[in-house]
């Protein structure tokens, strides 16, 4: 009995992962590479802001200097997040396009049978 339940749970997990993959694929293919670039770079910028919050001495120093926060974001955080996001976005887009071709052919064969 336990073996059947374990297999059923594995199948449910696999199905859930597959559905998430299809969802991400549809988001990427529908909204495009520029949208994904904005999302990923925004996530990295948010991570950088949270990391700064964890360094109270540096955060206090930035807050004391007028315009330091703007300069830090404009010339450091945003360019670095864009550079870091670019290869990630390229990988995700390539993956989505590859899977779209594979899934469409398997979907067509499934519907025809």
N, C-alpha and C. Protein backbone atom coordinates (compact mmCIF):
# COMPACT_ATOMS: atom_id res chain seq x y z
N UNK A 1 0.82 -1.20 0.00
CA UNK A 1 0.00 0.00 0.00
C UNK A 1 0.86 1.26 0.00
N UNK A 2 1.92 1.26 0.80
CA UNK A 2 2.78 2.43 0.89
C UNK A 2 3.50 2.69 -0.42
N UNK A 3 3.85 1.62 -1.13
CA UNK A 3 4.56 1.76 -2.39
C UNK A 3 3.69 2.50 -3.41
N UNK A 4 2.41 2.18 -3.43
CA UNK A 4 1.47 2.83 -4.35
C UNK A 4 1.32 4.31 -3.99
N UNK A 5 1.23 4.61 -2.69
CA UNK A 5 1.09 6.00 -2.25
C UNK A 5 2.33 6.81 -2.59
N UNK A 6 3.50 6.20 -2.41
CA UNK A 6 4.76 6.88 -2.72
C UNK A 6 4.85 7.19 -4.21
N UNK A 7 4.46 6.21 -5.03
CA UNK A 7 4.49 6.42 -6.48
C UNK A 7 3.50 7.51 -6.88
N UNK A 8 2.34 7.50 -6.25
CA UNK A 8 1.33 8.51 -6.54
C UNK A 8 1.83 9.91 -6.16
N UNK A 9 2.52 10.02 -5.02
CA UNK A 9 3.07 11.31 -4.60
C UNK A 9 4.15 11.78 -5.57
N UNK A 10 5.00 10.85 -6.03
CA UNK A 10 6.04 11.21 -7.00
C UNK A 10 5.40 11.68 -8.30
N UNK A 11 4.33 11.01 -8.72
CA UNK A 11 3.64 11.42 -9.94
C UNK A 11 3.03 12.81 -9.78
N UNK A 12 2.44 13.07 -8.62
CA UNK A 12 1.86 14.39 -8.36
C UNK A 12 2.93 15.48 -8.36
N UNK A 13 4.08 15.18 -7.77
CA UNK A 13 5.18 16.16 -7.76
C UNK A 13 5.68 16.40 -9.17
N UNK A 14 5.85 15.33 -9.94
CA UNK A 14 6.30 15.46 -11.33
C UNK A 14 5.31 16.28 -12.14
N UNK A 15 4.02 16.02 -11.94
CA UNK A 15 2.99 16.77 -12.65
C UNK A 15 3.03 18.24 -12.26
N UNK A 16 3.22 18.52 -10.98
CA UNK A 16 3.31 19.91 -10.51
C UNK A 16 4.50 20.63 -11.12
N UNK A 17 5.65 19.97 -11.16
CA UNK A 17 6.84 20.57 -11.77
C UNK A 17 6.60 20.82 -13.24
N UNK A 18 5.99 19.88 -13.93
CA UNK A 18 5.69 20.03 -15.35
C UNK A 18 4.77 21.22 -15.59
N UNK A 19 3.75 21.38 -14.73
CA UNK A 19 2.82 22.51 -14.88
C UNK A 19 3.52 23.84 -14.65
N UNK A 20 4.43 23.89 -13.67
CA UNK A 20 5.19 25.12 -13.43
C UNK A 20 6.07 25.43 -14.63
N UNK A 21 6.70 24.41 -15.19
CA UNK A 21 7.53 24.61 -16.38
C UNK A 21 6.71 25.15 -17.54
N UNK A 22 5.53 24.59 -17.76
CA UNK A 22 4.67 25.08 -18.84
C UNK A 22 4.24 26.52 -18.59
N UNK A 23 3.95 26.84 -17.32
CA UNK A 23 3.54 28.20 -16.97
C UNK A 23 4.66 29.19 -17.26
N UNK A 24 5.88 28.87 -16.83
CA UNK A 24 7.02 29.75 -17.08
C UNK A 24 7.27 29.87 -18.57
N UNK A 25 7.17 28.76 -19.27
CA UNK A 25 7.37 28.76 -20.73
C UNK A 25 6.37 29.69 -21.41
N UNK A 26 5.10 29.59 -21.03
CA UNK A 26 4.07 30.44 -21.62
C UNK A 26 4.31 31.91 -21.29
N UNK A 27 4.71 32.20 -20.05
CA UNK A 27 5.02 33.59 -19.69
C UNK A 27 6.13 34.15 -20.56
N UNK A 28 7.18 33.37 -20.73
CA UNK A 28 8.33 33.84 -21.51
C UNK A 28 7.95 34.01 -22.98
N UNK A 29 7.26 33.03 -23.53
CA UNK A 29 6.91 33.10 -24.96
C UNK A 29 5.86 34.17 -25.23
N UNK A 30 4.98 34.42 -24.28
CA UNK A 30 3.93 35.42 -24.47
C UNK A 30 4.46 36.83 -24.28
N UNK A 31 5.23 37.04 -23.21
CA UNK A 31 5.66 38.39 -22.86
C UNK A 31 6.99 38.80 -23.46
N UNK A 32 7.81 37.86 -23.85
CA UNK A 32 9.05 38.16 -24.55
C UNK A 32 10.26 38.31 -23.65
N UNK A 33 11.39 38.44 -24.33
CA UNK A 33 12.68 38.50 -23.66
C UNK A 33 12.85 39.78 -22.86
N UNK A 34 12.37 40.91 -23.39
CA UNK A 34 12.51 42.19 -22.68
C UNK A 34 11.77 42.16 -21.35
N UNK A 35 10.58 41.59 -21.35
CA UNK A 35 9.81 41.47 -20.12
C UNK A 35 10.56 40.63 -19.10
N UNK A 36 11.08 39.49 -19.54
CA UNK A 36 11.81 38.61 -18.64
C UNK A 36 13.06 39.30 -18.11
N UNK A 37 13.72 40.09 -18.95
CA UNK A 37 14.90 40.83 -18.52
C UNK A 37 14.54 41.82 -17.41
N UNK A 38 13.41 42.51 -17.58
CA UNK A 38 12.95 43.44 -16.53
C UNK A 38 12.66 42.71 -15.22
N UNK A 39 12.02 41.56 -15.33
CA UNK A 39 11.66 40.79 -14.13
C UNK A 39 12.92 40.30 -13.40
N UNK A 40 13.84 39.69 -14.14
CA UNK A 40 15.03 39.11 -13.51
C UNK A 40 15.93 40.21 -12.95
N UNK A 41 16.13 41.29 -13.71
CA UNK A 41 16.98 42.37 -13.18
C UNK A 41 16.30 43.04 -11.98
N UNK A 42 14.99 43.15 -12.00
CA UNK A 42 14.27 43.69 -10.84
C UNK A 42 14.42 42.82 -9.60
N UNK A 43 14.40 41.50 -9.80
CA UNK A 43 14.62 40.58 -8.68
C UNK A 43 16.03 40.75 -8.10
N UNK A 44 17.00 40.90 -8.98
CA UNK A 44 18.39 41.07 -8.52
C UNK A 44 18.55 42.40 -7.80
N UNK A 45 17.92 43.46 -8.32
CA UNK A 45 17.98 44.76 -7.65
C UNK A 45 17.32 44.69 -6.27
N UNK A 46 16.20 44.01 -6.18
CA UNK A 46 15.54 43.84 -4.89
C UNK A 46 16.40 43.07 -3.91
N UNK A 47 17.09 42.06 -4.41
CA UNK A 47 18.01 41.30 -3.56
C UNK A 47 19.14 42.20 -3.07
N UNK A 48 19.66 43.05 -3.95
CA UNK A 48 20.74 43.97 -3.56
C UNK A 48 20.26 44.95 -2.49
N UNK A 49 19.03 45.46 -2.64
CA UNK A 49 18.48 46.37 -1.63
C UNK A 49 18.35 45.67 -0.27
N UNK A 50 17.87 44.43 -0.29
CA UNK A 50 17.74 43.69 0.97
C UNK A 50 19.11 43.40 1.58
N UNK A 51 20.10 43.13 0.73
CA UNK A 51 21.45 42.89 1.24
C UNK A 51 22.01 44.15 1.90
N UNK A 52 21.72 45.32 1.32
CA UNK A 52 22.16 46.58 1.92
C UNK A 52 21.49 46.81 3.27
N UNK A 53 20.23 46.42 3.37
CA UNK A 53 19.52 46.57 4.65
C UNK A 53 20.15 45.73 5.76
N UNK A 54 20.81 44.64 5.37
CA UNK A 54 21.45 43.78 6.36
C UNK A 54 22.81 44.31 6.82
N UNK A 55 23.28 45.36 6.16
CA UNK A 55 24.55 46.00 6.54
C UNK A 55 24.25 47.40 7.08
N UNK A 56 23.87 47.51 8.34
CA UNK A 56 23.39 48.78 8.88
C UNK A 56 24.41 49.92 8.82
N UNK A 57 25.68 49.61 8.96
CA UNK A 57 26.70 50.66 8.92
C UNK A 57 26.78 51.27 7.53
N UNK A 58 26.80 50.43 6.51
CA UNK A 58 26.85 50.91 5.13
C UNK A 58 25.56 51.64 4.78
N UNK A 59 24.44 51.11 5.21
CA UNK A 59 23.13 51.74 4.94
C UNK A 59 23.07 53.13 5.58
N UNK A 60 23.56 53.27 6.81
CA UNK A 60 23.56 54.57 7.49
C UNK A 60 24.47 55.55 6.77
N UNK A 61 25.60 55.07 6.29
CA UNK A 61 26.52 55.94 5.55
C UNK A 61 25.89 56.43 4.25
N UNK A 62 25.24 55.54 3.55
CA UNK A 62 24.58 55.92 2.29
C UNK A 62 23.45 56.90 2.56
N UNK A 63 22.71 56.69 3.64
CA UNK A 63 21.60 57.59 3.97
C UNK A 63 22.08 58.98 4.38
N UNK A 64 23.27 59.08 4.95
CA UNK A 64 23.79 60.37 5.40
C UNK A 64 24.28 61.25 4.25
N UNK A 65 24.76 60.63 3.18
CA UNK A 65 25.30 61.39 2.05
C UNK A 65 24.18 61.68 1.07
N UNK A 66 23.90 62.97 0.80
CA UNK A 66 22.82 63.31 -0.14
C UNK A 66 23.12 62.78 -1.55
N UNK A 67 22.16 62.08 -2.11
CA UNK A 67 22.29 61.57 -3.47
C UNK A 67 23.06 60.26 -3.59
N UNK A 68 23.59 59.76 -2.49
CA UNK A 68 24.39 58.53 -2.55
C UNK A 68 23.54 57.33 -2.96
N UNK A 69 22.34 57.27 -2.47
CA UNK A 69 21.45 56.16 -2.81
C UNK A 69 21.13 56.16 -4.31
N UNK A 70 20.84 57.34 -4.85
CA UNK A 70 20.56 57.46 -6.29
C UNK A 70 21.77 57.04 -7.11
N UNK A 71 22.94 57.54 -6.73
CA UNK A 71 24.17 57.21 -7.46
C UNK A 71 24.47 55.72 -7.37
N UNK A 72 24.30 55.16 -6.19
CA UNK A 72 24.54 53.73 -6.00
C UNK A 72 23.63 52.90 -6.90
N UNK A 73 22.34 53.25 -6.94
CA UNK A 73 21.41 52.51 -7.78
C UNK A 73 21.67 52.75 -9.26
N UNK A 74 21.87 54.00 -9.63
CA UNK A 74 22.02 54.35 -11.05
C UNK A 74 23.30 53.80 -11.67
N UNK A 75 24.40 53.87 -10.94
CA UNK A 75 25.69 53.54 -11.52
C UNK A 75 26.30 52.22 -11.03
N UNK A 76 25.71 51.61 -10.02
CA UNK A 76 26.29 50.36 -9.52
C UNK A 76 25.27 49.22 -9.57
N UNK A 77 24.18 49.35 -8.84
CA UNK A 77 23.25 48.22 -8.69
C UNK A 77 22.54 47.90 -10.00
N UNK A 78 21.99 48.91 -10.67
CA UNK A 78 21.24 48.65 -11.91
C UNK A 78 22.13 48.06 -13.01
N UNK A 79 23.31 48.64 -13.30
CA UNK A 79 24.15 48.03 -14.34
C UNK A 79 24.61 46.61 -14.00
N UNK A 80 24.95 46.38 -12.74
CA UNK A 80 25.40 45.03 -12.36
C UNK A 80 24.24 44.04 -12.46
N UNK A 81 23.05 44.44 -12.03
CA UNK A 81 21.91 43.52 -12.11
C UNK A 81 21.57 43.20 -13.56
N UNK A 82 21.71 44.18 -14.44
CA UNK A 82 21.45 43.94 -15.86
C UNK A 82 22.48 42.97 -16.43
N UNK A 83 23.73 43.15 -16.07
CA UNK A 83 24.79 42.25 -16.56
C UNK A 83 24.60 40.83 -16.02
N UNK A 84 24.18 40.71 -14.78
CA UNK A 84 23.95 39.39 -14.20
C UNK A 84 22.70 38.73 -14.78
N UNK A 85 21.69 39.52 -15.11
CA UNK A 85 20.42 38.98 -15.59
C UNK A 85 20.51 38.49 -17.03
N UNK A 86 21.38 39.10 -17.82
CA UNK A 86 21.42 38.78 -19.25
C UNK A 86 21.68 37.31 -19.55
N UNK A 87 22.71 36.67 -18.99
CA UNK A 87 22.89 35.24 -19.30
C UNK A 87 21.77 34.35 -18.77
N UNK A 88 21.20 34.71 -17.64
CA UNK A 88 20.09 33.94 -17.08
C UNK A 88 18.89 34.02 -18.01
N UNK A 89 18.59 35.21 -18.49
CA UNK A 89 17.47 35.41 -19.41
C UNK A 89 17.70 34.65 -20.70
N UNK A 90 18.91 34.71 -21.23
CA UNK A 90 19.21 33.98 -22.47
C UNK A 90 19.00 32.48 -22.30
N UNK A 91 19.41 31.94 -21.15
CA UNK A 91 19.20 30.51 -20.88
C UNK A 91 17.72 30.17 -20.79
N UNK A 92 16.96 30.99 -20.09
CA UNK A 92 15.53 30.72 -19.92
C UNK A 92 14.80 30.81 -21.25
N UNK A 93 15.11 31.82 -22.06
CA UNK A 93 14.45 31.98 -23.36
C UNK A 93 14.80 30.81 -24.28
N UNK A 94 16.07 30.41 -24.31
CA UNK A 94 16.46 29.27 -25.15
C UNK A 94 15.75 28.00 -24.70
N UNK A 95 15.66 27.81 -23.38
CA UNK A 95 14.96 26.65 -22.84
C UNK A 95 13.48 26.67 -23.24
N UNK A 96 12.84 27.83 -23.11
CA UNK A 96 11.41 27.95 -23.41
C UNK A 96 11.14 27.69 -24.89
N UNK A 97 12.00 28.23 -25.75
CA UNK A 97 11.80 28.03 -27.19
C UNK A 97 12.02 26.57 -27.57
N UNK A 98 13.03 25.95 -26.98
CA UNK A 98 13.31 24.53 -27.26
C UNK A 98 12.15 23.66 -26.80
N UNK A 99 11.65 23.91 -25.59
CA UNK A 99 10.54 23.12 -25.07
C UNK A 99 9.24 23.39 -25.80
N UNK A 100 9.06 24.60 -26.30
CA UNK A 100 7.84 24.91 -27.04
C UNK A 100 7.77 24.06 -28.30
N UNK A 101 8.89 23.92 -28.99
CA UNK A 101 8.92 23.10 -30.20
C UNK A 101 8.67 21.63 -29.85
N UNK A 102 9.29 21.15 -28.79
CA UNK A 102 9.12 19.75 -28.39
C UNK A 102 7.70 19.49 -27.90
N UNK A 103 7.14 20.40 -27.11
CA UNK A 103 5.80 20.19 -26.56
C UNK A 103 4.73 20.31 -27.63
N UNK A 104 4.93 21.21 -28.59
CA UNK A 104 3.89 21.36 -29.62
C UNK A 104 3.82 20.11 -30.48
N UNK A 105 4.96 19.50 -30.80
CA UNK A 105 4.91 18.29 -31.61
C UNK A 105 4.31 17.13 -30.82
N UNK A 106 4.65 17.02 -29.53
CA UNK A 106 4.07 15.94 -28.73
C UNK A 106 2.59 16.18 -28.48
N UNK A 107 2.19 17.44 -28.33
CA UNK A 107 0.78 17.76 -28.13
C UNK A 107 -0.02 17.43 -29.39
N UNK A 108 0.52 17.77 -30.56
CA UNK A 108 -0.17 17.47 -31.81
C UNK A 108 -0.32 15.96 -31.97
N UNK A 109 0.75 15.21 -31.71
CA UNK A 109 0.65 13.75 -31.85
C UNK A 109 -0.34 13.17 -30.83
N UNK A 110 -0.39 13.75 -29.64
CA UNK A 110 -1.34 13.29 -28.63
C UNK A 110 -2.77 13.56 -29.09
N UNK A 111 -3.02 14.74 -29.65
CA UNK A 111 -4.37 15.10 -30.08
C UNK A 111 -4.82 14.28 -31.29
N UNK A 112 -3.89 13.88 -32.12
CA UNK A 112 -4.25 13.11 -33.31
C UNK A 112 -4.55 11.65 -33.00
N UNK A 113 -4.07 11.15 -31.88
CA UNK A 113 -4.30 9.74 -31.54
C UNK A 113 -5.47 9.54 -30.65
